Amino acid sequence: MKTVTATLLLLTLSVLAGCASHVSPELRPYTAEETRELAMEALNRRGLSFDEYHAKKAELLGQPQKTFGFDKQGEMNAERAVQLHGRPS
């Protein structure tokens, strides 16, 4: 009977000790790369227009903003240096 009581007492103490020592995950600040990645994921989830999306993306990546738009012929111009038979693209 003494061994059963000792075993139960030891088990109870180990359970209480496990509950008392609260182990939390390591709290560390995000690196610059992780912060940028989280910002890009948040940007992708937002419902922005094409122009707003590329403006925010260039701002996040620290790149100069590229201009996207339509040229006078109604074709998409993404600043490609392509010559089409004497006319500028």
PDB file of N, CA and C in Angstrom:
ATOM      1  N   MET A   1       0.819  -1.186   0.000  1.00  0.00           N
ATOM      2  CA  MET A   1       0.000   0.000   0.000  1.00  0.00           C
ATOM      3  C   MET A   1       0.862   1.247   0.000  1.00  0.00           C
ATOM      4  N   LYS A   2       2.031   1.131   0.645  1.00  0.00           N
ATOM      5  CA  LYS A   2       2.929   2.266   0.713  1.00  0.00           C
ATOM      6  C   LYS A   2       3.482   2.634  -0.677  1.00  0.00           C
ATOM      7  N   THR A   3       3.735   1.647  -1.505  1.00  0.00           N
ATOM      8  CA  THR A   3       4.270   1.914  -2.846  1.00  0.00           C
ATOM      9  C   THR A   3       3.222   2.560  -3.743  1.00  0.00           C
ATOM     10  N   VAL A   4       1.961   2.177  -3.585  1.00  0.00           N
ATOM     11  CA  VAL A   4       0.891   2.757  -4.393  1.00  0.00           C
ATOM     12  C   VAL A   4       0.717   4.228  -4.029  1.00  0.00           C
ATOM     13  N   THR A   5       0.749   4.539  -2.741  1.00  0.00           N
ATOM     14  CA  THR A   5       0.626   5.925  -2.286  1.00  0.00           C
ATOM     15  C   THR A   5       1.814   6.749  -2.771  1.00  0.00           C
ATOM     16  N   ALA A   6       2.990   6.199  -2.681  1.00  0.00           N
ATOM     17  CA  ALA A   6       4.191   6.910  -3.122  1.00  0.00           C
ATOM     18  C   ALA A   6       4.153   7.148  -4.634  1.00  0.00           C
ATOM     19  N   THR A   7       3.682   6.175  -5.388  1.00  0.00           N
ATOM     20  CA  THR A   7       3.583   6.301  -6.841  1.00  0.00           C
ATOM     21  C   THR A   7       2.556   7.367  -7.215  1.00  0.00           C
ATOM     22  N   LEU A   8       1.393   7.357  -6.558  1.00  0.00           N
ATOM     23  CA  LEU A   8       0.372   8.365  -6.834  1.00  0.00           C
ATOM     24  C   LEU A   8       0.848   9.767  -6.458  1.00  0.00           C
ATOM     25  N   LEU A   9       1.547   9.867  -5.327  1.00  0.00           N
ATOM     26  CA  LEU A   9       2.090  11.156  -4.907  1.00  0.00           C
ATOM     27  C   LEU A   9       3.124  11.657  -5.911  1.00  0.00           C
ATOM     28  N   LEU A  10       3.981  10.795  -6.373  1.00  0.00           N
ATOM     29  CA  LEU A  10       4.996  11.161  -7.364  1.00  0.00           C
ATOM     30  C   LEU A  10       4.347  11.553  -8.692  1.00  0.00           C
ATOM     31  N   LEU A  11       3.328  10.839  -9.119  1.00  0.00           N
ATOM     32  CA  LEU A  11       2.611  11.147 -10.344  1.00  0.00           C
ATOM     33  C   LEU A  11       1.902  12.494 -10.235  1.00  0.00           C
ATOM     34  N   THR A  12       1.261  12.746  -9.120  1.00  0.00           N
ATOM     35  CA  THR A  12       0.578  14.014  -8.894  1.00  0.00           C
ATOM     36  C   THR A  12       1.562  15.173  -8.902  1.00  0.00           C
ATOM     37  N   LEU A  13       2.696  14.996  -8.247  1.00  0.00           N
ATOM     38  CA  LEU A  13       3.710  16.050  -8.223  1.00  0.00           C
ATOM     39  C   LEU A  13       4.273  16.328  -9.618  1.00  0.00           C
ATOM     40  N   SER A  14       4.474  15.295 -10.405  1.00  0.00           N
ATOM     41  CA  SER A  14       5.016  15.505 -11.747  1.00  0.00           C
ATOM     42  C   SER A  14       4.001  16.204 -12.652  1.00  0.00           C
ATOM     43  N   VAL A  15       2.718  15.884 -12.506  1.00  0.00           N
ATOM     44  CA  VAL A  15       1.683  16.556 -13.296  1.00  0.00           C
ATOM     45  C   VAL A  15       1.588  18.022 -12.900  1.00  0.00           C
ATOM     46  N   LEU A  16       1.587  18.305 -11.600  1.00  0.00           N
ATOM     47  CA  LEU A  16       1.523  19.692 -11.143  1.00  0.00           C
ATOM     48  C   LEU A  16       2.761  20.477 -11.546  1.00  0.00           C
ATOM     49  N   ALA A  17       3.905  19.844 -11.518  1.00  0.00           N
ATOM     50  CA  ALA A  17       5.134  20.526 -11.927  1.00  0.00           C
ATOM     51  C   ALA A  17       5.107  20.833 -13.428  1.00  0.00           C
ATOM     52  N   GLY A  18       4.546  19.920 -14.210  1.00  0.00           N
ATOM     53  CA  GLY A  18       4.434  20.156 -15.648  1.00  0.00           C
ATOM     54  C   GLY A  18       3.479  21.282 -15.973  1.00  0.00           C
ATOM     55  N   CYS A  19       2.392  21.402 -15.218  1.00  0.00           N
ATOM     56  CA  CYS A  19       1.435  22.484 -15.440  1.00  0.00           C
ATOM     57  C   CYS A  19       1.979  23.827 -14.967  1.00  0.00           C
ATOM     58  N   ALA A  20       2.796  23.799 -13.940  1.00  0.00           N
ATOM     59  CA  ALA A  20       3.311  25.045 -13.371  1.00  0.00           C
ATOM     60  C   ALA A  20       4.386  25.678 -14.251  1.00  0.00           C
ATOM     61  N   SER A  21       5.157  24.877 -14.941  1.00  0.00           N
ATOM     62  CA  SER A  21       6.219  25.432 -15.790  1.00  0.00           C
ATOM     63  C   SER A  21       5.654  25.678 -17.181  1.00  0.00           C
ATOM     64  N   HIS A  22       5.196  26.893 -17.410  1.00  0.00           N
ATOM     65  CA  HIS A  22       4.590  27.261 -18.686  1.00  0.00           C
ATOM     66  C   HIS A  22       5.687  27.473 -19.716  1.00  0.00           C
ATOM     67  N   VAL A  23       5.729  26.621 -20.695  1.00  0.00           N
ATOM     68  CA  VAL A  23       6.737  26.725 -21.738  1.00  0.00           C
ATOM     69  C   VAL A  23       6.107  27.443 -22.927  1.00  0.00           C
ATOM     70  N   SER A  24       6.622  28.611 -23.259  1.00  0.00           N
ATOM     71  CA  SER A  24       6.101  29.355 -24.403  1.00  0.00           C
ATOM     72  C   SER A  24       7.119  29.288 -25.537  1.00  0.00           C
ATOM     73  N   PRO A  25       6.661  29.404 -26.765  1.00  0.00           N
ATOM     74  CA  PRO A  25       7.611  29.395 -27.885  1.00  0.00           C
ATOM     75  C   PRO A  25       8.528  30.610 -27.799  1.00  0.00           C
ATOM     76  N   GLU A  26       9.643  30.471 -28.413  1.00  0.00           N
ATOM     77  CA  GLU A  26      10.635  31.548 -28.383  1.00  0.00           C
ATOM     78  C   GLU A  26      10.060  32.802 -29.044  1.00  0.00           C
ATOM     79  N   LEU A  27      10.082  33.891 -28.311  1.00  0.00           N
ATOM     80  CA  LEU A  27       9.595  35.149 -28.853  1.00  0.00           C
ATOM     81  C   LEU A  27      10.784  35.930 -29.382  1.00  0.00           C
ATOM     82  N   ARG A  28      10.843  36.052 -30.672  1.00  0.00           N
ATOM     83  CA  ARG A  28      11.938  36.785 -31.298  1.00  0.00           C
ATOM     84  C   ARG A  28      11.361  37.729 -32.336  1.00  0.00           C
ATOM     85  N   PRO A  29      12.044  38.808 -32.602  1.00  0.00           N
ATOM     86  CA  PRO A  29      11.540  39.720 -33.643  1.00  0.00           C
ATOM     87  C   PRO A  29      11.723  39.093 -35.025  1.00  0.00           C
ATOM     88  N   TYR A  30      10.853  39.497 -35.944  1.00  0.00           N
ATOM     89  CA  TYR A  30      10.964  39.011 -37.311  1.00  0.00           C
ATOM     90  C   TYR A  30      12.180  39.637 -37.991  1.00  0.00           C
ATOM     91  N   THR A  31      12.780  38.877 -38.896  1.00  0.00           N
ATOM     92  CA  THR A  31      13.871  39.431 -39.690  1.00  0.00           C
ATOM     93  C   THR A  31      13.272  40.325 -40.774  1.00  0.00           C
ATOM     94  N   ALA A  32      14.102  41.083 -41.440  1.00  0.00           N
ATOM     95  CA  ALA A  32      13.635  41.972 -42.507  1.00  0.00           C
ATOM     96  C   ALA A  32      12.996  41.169 -43.642  1.00  0.00           C
ATOM     97  N   GLU A  33      13.570  40.037 -43.957  1.00  0.00           N
ATOM     98  CA  GLU A  33      13.034  39.193 -45.029  1.00  0.00           C
ATOM     99  C   GLU A  33      11.669  38.628 -44.648  1.00  0.00           C
ATOM    100  N   GLU A  34      11.519  38.200 -43.397  1.00  0.00           N
ATOM    101  CA  GLU A  34      10.226  37.674 -42.948  1.00  0.00           C
ATOM    102  C   GLU A  34       9.163  38.774 -42.937  1.00  0.00           C
ATOM    103  N   THR A  35       9.543  39.961 -42.532  1.00  0.00           N
ATOM    104  CA  THR A  35       8.614  41.087 -42.524  1.00  0.00           C
ATOM    105  C   THR A  35       8.159  41.423 -43.935  1.00  0.00           C
ATOM    106  N   ARG A  36       9.105  41.438 -44.881  1.00  0.00           N
ATOM    107  CA  ARG A  36       8.768  41.724 -46.273  1.00  0.00           C
ATOM    108  C   ARG A  36       7.855  40.638 -46.840  1.00  0.00           C
ATOM    109  N   GLU A  37       8.135  39.380 -46.511  1.00  0.00           N
ATOM    110  CA  GLU A  37       7.311  38.272 -46.999  1.00  0.00           C
ATOM    111  C   GLU A  37       5.880  38.361 -46.451  1.00  0.00           C
ATOM    112  N   LEU A  38       5.737  38.689 -45.170  1.00  0.00           N
ATOM    113  CA  LEU A  38       4.408  38.852 -44.587  1.00  0.00           C
ATOM    114  C   LEU A  38       3.658  40.010 -45.233  1.00  0.00           C
ATOM    115  N   ALA A  39       4.370  41.090 -45.531  1.00  0.00           N
ATOM    116  CA  ALA A  39       3.735  42.237 -46.181  1.00  0.00           C
ATOM    117  C   ALA A  39       3.290  41.882 -47.591  1.00  0.00           C
ATOM    118  N   MET A  40       4.087  41.100 -48.313  1.00  0.00           N
ATOM    119  CA  MET A  40       3.709  40.685 -49.665  1.00  0.00           C
ATOM    120  C   MET A  40       2.483  39.757 -49.630  1.00  0.00           C
ATOM    121  N   GLU A  41       2.423  38.862 -48.642  1.00  0.00           N
ATOM    122  CA  GLU A  41       1.262  37.987 -48.517  1.00  0.00           C
ATOM    123  C   GLU A  41       0.002  38.797 -48.216  1.00  0.00           C
ATOM    124  N   ALA A  42       0.131  39.792 -47.353  1.00  0.00           N
ATOM    125  CA  ALA A  42      -1.014  40.646 -47.036  1.00  0.00           C
ATOM    126  C   ALA A  42      -1.445  41.449 -48.260  1.00  0.00           C
ATOM    127  N   LEU A  43      -0.475  41.901 -49.055  1.00  0.00           N
ATOM    128  CA  LEU A  43      -0.787  42.651 -50.269  1.00  0.00           C
ATOM    129  C   LEU A  43      -1.544  41.782 -51.270  1.00  0.00           C
ATOM    130  N   ASN A  44      -1.152  40.521 -51.377  1.00  0.00           N
ATOM    131  CA  ASN A  44      -1.827  39.609 -52.313  1.00  0.00           C
ATOM    132  C   ASN A  44      -3.263  39.334 -51.896  1.00  0.00           C
ATOM    133  N   ARG A  45      -3.549  39.383 -50.601  1.00  0.00           N
ATOM    134  CA  ARG A  45      -4.911  39.105 -50.129  1.00  0.00           C
ATOM    135  C   ARG A  45      -5.854  40.285 -50.297  1.00  0.00           C
ATOM    136  N   ARG A  46      -5.303  41.468 -50.465  1.00  0.00           N
ATOM    137  CA  ARG A  46      -6.143  42.657 -50.600  1.00  0.00           C
ATOM    138  C   ARG A  46      -6.688  42.735 -52.018  1.00  0.00           C
ATOM    139  N   GLY A  47      -7.857  43.295 -52.165  1.00  0.00           N
ATOM    140  CA  GLY A  47      -8.487  43.410 -53.481  1.00  0.00           C
ATOM    141  C   GLY A  47      -8.161  44.743 -54.118  1.00  0.00           C
ATOM    142  N   LEU A  48      -6.916  44.920 -54.535  1.00  0.00           N
ATOM    143  CA  LEU A  48      -6.489  46.182 -55.134  1.00  0.00           C
ATOM    144  C   LEU A  48      -6.594  46.132 -56.650  1.00  0.00           C
ATOM    145  N   SER A  49      -6.683  47.309 -57.250  1.00  0.00           N
ATOM    146  CA  SER A  49      -6.662  47.378 -58.706  1.00  0.00           C
ATOM    147  C   SER A  49      -5.241  47.092 -59.186  1.00  0.00           C
ATOM    148  N   PHE A  50      -5.112  46.905 -60.481  1.00  0.00           N
ATOM    149  CA  PHE A  50      -3.816  46.572 -61.080  1.00  0.00           C
ATOM    150  C   PHE A  50      -2.774  47.635 -60.754  1.00  0.00           C
ATOM    151  N   ASP A  51      -3.125  48.894 -60.949  1.00  0.00           N
ATOM    152  CA  ASP A  51      -2.179  49.988 -60.715  1.00  0.00           C
ATOM    153  C   ASP A  51      -1.828  50.117 -59.239  1.00  0.00           C
ATOM    154  N   GLU A  52      -2.832  50.014 -58.369  1.00  0.00           N
ATOM    155  CA  GLU A  52      -2.571  50.119 -56.935  1.00  0.00           C
ATOM    156  C   GLU A  52      -1.686  48.974 -56.448  1.00  0.00           C
ATOM    157  N   TYR A  53      -1.944  47.763 -56.954  1.00  0.00           N
ATOM    158  CA  TYR A  53      -1.143  46.606 -56.562  1.00  0.00           C
ATOM    159  C   TYR A  53       0.326  46.797 -56.914  1.00  0.00           C
ATOM    160  N   HIS A  54       0.595  47.224 -58.153  1.00  0.00           N
ATOM    161  CA  HIS A  54       1.985  47.379 -58.574  1.00  0.00           C
ATOM    162  C   HIS A  54       2.657  48.559 -57.867  1.00  0.00           C
ATOM    163  N   ALA A  55       1.908  49.594 -57.541  1.00  0.00           N
ATOM    164  CA  ALA A  55       2.478  50.714 -56.796  1.00  0.00           C
ATOM    165  C   ALA A  55       2.880  50.271 -55.394  1.00  0.00           C
ATOM    166  N   LYS A  56       2.002  49.528 -54.706  1.00  0.00           N
ATOM    167  CA  LYS A  56       2.309  49.040 -53.353  1.00  0.00           C
ATOM    168  C   LYS A  56       3.435  48.017 -53.381  1.00  0.00           C
ATOM    169  N   LYS A  57       3.460  47.173 -54.404  1.00  0.00           N
ATOM    170  CA  LYS A  57       4.504  46.160 -54.508  1.00  0.00           C
ATOM    171  C   LYS A  57       5.874  46.815 -54.708  1.00  0.00           C
ATOM    172  N   ALA A  58       5.927  47.817 -55.579  1.00  0.00           N
ATOM    173  CA  ALA A  58       7.189  48.529 -55.800  1.00  0.00           C
ATOM    174  C   ALA A  58       7.625  49.242 -54.522  1.00  0.00           C
ATOM    175  N   GLU A  59       6.661  49.776 -53.781  1.00  0.00           N
ATOM    176  CA  GLU A  59       6.980  50.446 -52.520  1.00  0.00           C
ATOM    177  C   GLU A  59       7.544  49.458 -51.501  1.00  0.00           C
ATOM    178  N   LEU A  60       6.954  48.268 -51.411  1.00  0.00           N
ATOM    179  CA  LEU A  60       7.427  47.259 -50.471  1.00  0.00           C
ATOM    180  C   LEU A  60       8.807  46.727 -50.836  1.00  0.00           C
ATOM    181  N   LEU A  61       9.032  46.542 -52.119  1.00  0.00           N
ATOM    182  CA  LEU A  61      10.313  45.982 -52.563  1.00  0.00           C
ATOM    183  C   LEU A  61      11.401  47.038 -52.700  1.00  0.00           C
ATOM    184  N   GLY A  62      11.031  48.297 -52.565  1.00  0.00           N
ATOM    185  CA  GLY A  62      12.015  49.365 -52.666  1.00  0.00           C
ATOM    186  C   GLY A  62      12.494  49.603 -54.086  1.00  0.00           C
ATOM    187  N   GLN A  63      11.664  49.290 -55.048  1.00  0.00           N
ATOM    188  CA  GLN A  63      12.021  49.472 -56.448  1.00  0.00           C
ATOM    189  C   GLN A  63      11.323  50.717 -56.977  1.00  0.00           C
ATOM    190  N   PRO A  64      11.905  51.342 -57.988  1.00  0.00           N
ATOM    191  CA  PRO A  64      11.187  52.468 -58.597  1.00  0.00           C
ATOM    192  C   PRO A  64       9.922  51.949 -59.270  1.00  0.00           C
ATOM    193  N   GLN A  65       8.877  52.746 -59.191  1.00  0.00           N
ATOM    194  CA  GLN A  65       7.596  52.311 -59.731  1.00  0.00           C
ATOM    195  C   GLN A  65       7.632  52.323 -61.255  1.00  0.00           C
ATOM    196  N   LYS A  66       7.285  51.196 -61.845  1.00  0.00           N
ATOM    197  CA  LYS A  66       7.220  51.089 -63.295  1.00  0.00           C
ATOM    198  C   LYS A  66       5.849  51.552 -63.745  1.00  0.00           C
ATOM    199  N   THR A  67       5.820  52.186 -64.881  1.00  0.00           N
ATOM    200  CA  THR A  67       4.541  52.643 -65.390  1.00  0.00           C
ATOM    201  C   THR A  67       3.994  51.611 -66.366  1.00  0.00           C
ATOM    202  N   PHE A  68       2.786  51.199 -66.130  1.00  0.00           N
ATOM    203  CA  PHE A  68       2.089  50.285 -67.005  1.00  0.00           C
ATOM    204  C   PHE A  68       0.899  51.047 -67.554  1.00  0.00           C
ATOM    205  N   GLY A  69       0.642  50.874 -68.799  1.00  0.00           N
ATOM    206  CA  GLY A  69      -0.499  51.579 -69.367  1.00  0.00           C
ATOM    207  C   GLY A  69      -0.700  51.178 -70.810  1.00  0.00           C
ATOM    208  N   PHE A  70      -1.607  51.871 -71.461  1.00  0.00           N
ATOM    209  CA  PHE A  70      -1.913  51.603 -72.856  1.00  0.00           C
ATOM    210  C   PHE A  70      -1.282  52.670 -73.728  1.00  0.00           C
ATOM    211  N   ASP A  71      -0.776  52.264 -74.874  1.00  0.00           N
ATOM    212  CA  ASP A  71      -0.222  53.239 -75.802  1.00  0.00           C
ATOM    213  C   ASP A  71      -1.341  53.773 -76.698  1.00  0.00           C
ATOM    214  N   LYS A  72      -0.992  54.585 -77.683  1.00  0.00           N
ATOM    215  CA  LYS A  72      -1.999  55.247 -78.504  1.00  0.00           C
ATOM    216  C   LYS A  72      -2.717  54.290 -79.444  1.00  0.00           C
ATOM    217  N   GLN A  73      -2.137  53.128 -79.705  1.00  0.00           N
ATOM    218  CA  GLN A  73      -2.789  52.167 -80.583  1.00  0.00           C
ATOM    219  C   GLN A  73      -3.739  51.251 -79.812  1.00  0.00           C
ATOM    220  N   GLY A  74      -3.879  51.445 -78.509  1.00  0.00           N
ATOM    221  CA  GLY A  74      -4.771  50.617 -77.719  1.00  0.00           C
ATOM    222  C   GLY A  74      -4.157  49.298 -77.303  1.00  0.00           C
ATOM    223  N   GLU A  75      -2.845  49.188 -77.459  1.00  0.00           N
ATOM    224  CA  GLU A  75      -2.171  47.962 -77.065  1.00  0.00           C
ATOM    225  C   GLU A  75      -1.486  48.184 -75.722  1.00  0.00           C
ATOM    226  N   MET A  76      -1.321  47.119 -74.987  1.00  0.00           N
ATOM    227  CA  MET A  76      -0.692  47.222 -73.676  1.00  0.00           C
ATOM    228  C   MET A  76       0.778  47.539 -73.839  1.00  0.00           C
ATOM    229  N   ASN A  77       1.255  48.508 -73.062  1.00  0.00           N
ATOM    230  CA  ASN A  77       2.647  48.902 -73.109  1.00  0.00           C
ATOM    231  C   ASN A  77       3.246  48.669 -71.735  1.00  0.00           C
ATOM    232  N   ALA A  78       4.117  47.674 -71.636  1.00  0.00           N
ATOM    233  CA  ALA A  78       4.782  47.375 -70.367  1.00  0.00           C
ATOM    234  C   ALA A  78       6.247  47.779 -70.448  1.00  0.00           C
ATOM    235  N   GLU A  79       6.512  48.840 -71.142  1.00  0.00           N
ATOM    236  CA  GLU A  79       7.848  49.401 -71.333  1.00  0.00           C
ATOM    237  C   GLU A  79       8.821  48.389 -71.926  1.00  0.00           C
ATOM    238  N   ARG A  80       8.391  47.720 -72.946  1.00  0.00           N
ATOM    239  CA  ARG A  80       9.281  46.822 -73.666  1.00  0.00           C
ATOM    240  C   ARG A  80       9.867  47.586 -74.837  1.00  0.00           C
ATOM    241  N   ALA A  81      11.123  47.401 -75.075  1.00  0.00           N
ATOM    242  CA  ALA A  81      11.787  48.082 -76.180  1.00  0.00           C
ATOM    243  C   ALA A  81      11.702  47.206 -77.431  1.00  0.00           C
ATOM    244  N   VAL A  82      10.528  47.106 -77.984  1.00  0.00           N
ATOM    245  CA  VAL A  82      10.306  46.289 -79.176  1.00  0.00           C
ATOM    246  C   VAL A  82       9.905  47.223 -80.299  1.00  0.00           C
ATOM    247  N   GLN A  83      10.599  47.133 -81.402  1.00  0.00           N
ATOM    248  CA  GLN A  83      10.267  47.933 -82.563  1.00  0.00           C
ATOM    249  C   GLN A  83       9.394  47.092 -83.488  1.00  0.00           C
ATOM    250  N   LEU A  84       8.251  47.643 -83.871  1.00  0.00           N
ATOM    251  CA  LEU A  84       7.344  46.921 -84.772  1.00  0.00           C
ATOM    252  C   LEU A  84       7.327  47.633 -86.129  1.00  0.00           C
ATOM    253  N   HIS A  85       8.195  47.237 -87.002  1.00  0.00           N
ATOM    254  CA  HIS A  85       8.245  47.716 -88.379  1.00  0.00           C
ATOM    255  C   HIS A  85       8.155  49.240 -88.460  1.00  0.00           C
ATOM    256  N   GLY A  86       9.034  49.918 -87.781  1.00  0.00           N
ATOM    257  CA  GLY A  86       9.102  51.357 -87.904  1.00  0.00           C
ATOM    258  C   GLY A  86       8.188  52.138 -86.970  1.00  0.00           C
ATOM    259  N   ARG A  87       7.288  51.505 -86.258  1.00  0.00           N
ATOM    260  CA  ARG A  87       6.485  52.264 -85.312  1.00  0.00           C
ATOM    261  C   ARG A  87       6.959  51.949 -83.893  1.00  0.00           C
ATOM    262  N   PRO A  88       6.894  52.951 -83.067  1.00  0.00           N
ATOM    263  CA  PRO A  88       7.278  52.676 -81.678  1.00  0.00           C
ATOM    264  C   PRO A  88       6.197  51.858 -80.993  1.00  0.00           C
ATOM    265  N   SER A  89       6.627  50.995 -80.116  1.00  0.00           N
ATOM    266  CA  SER A  89       5.632  50.167 -79.415  1.00  0.00           C
ATOM    267  C   SER A  89       5.216  50.830 -78.127  1.00  0.00           C
TER     268      SER A  89
END
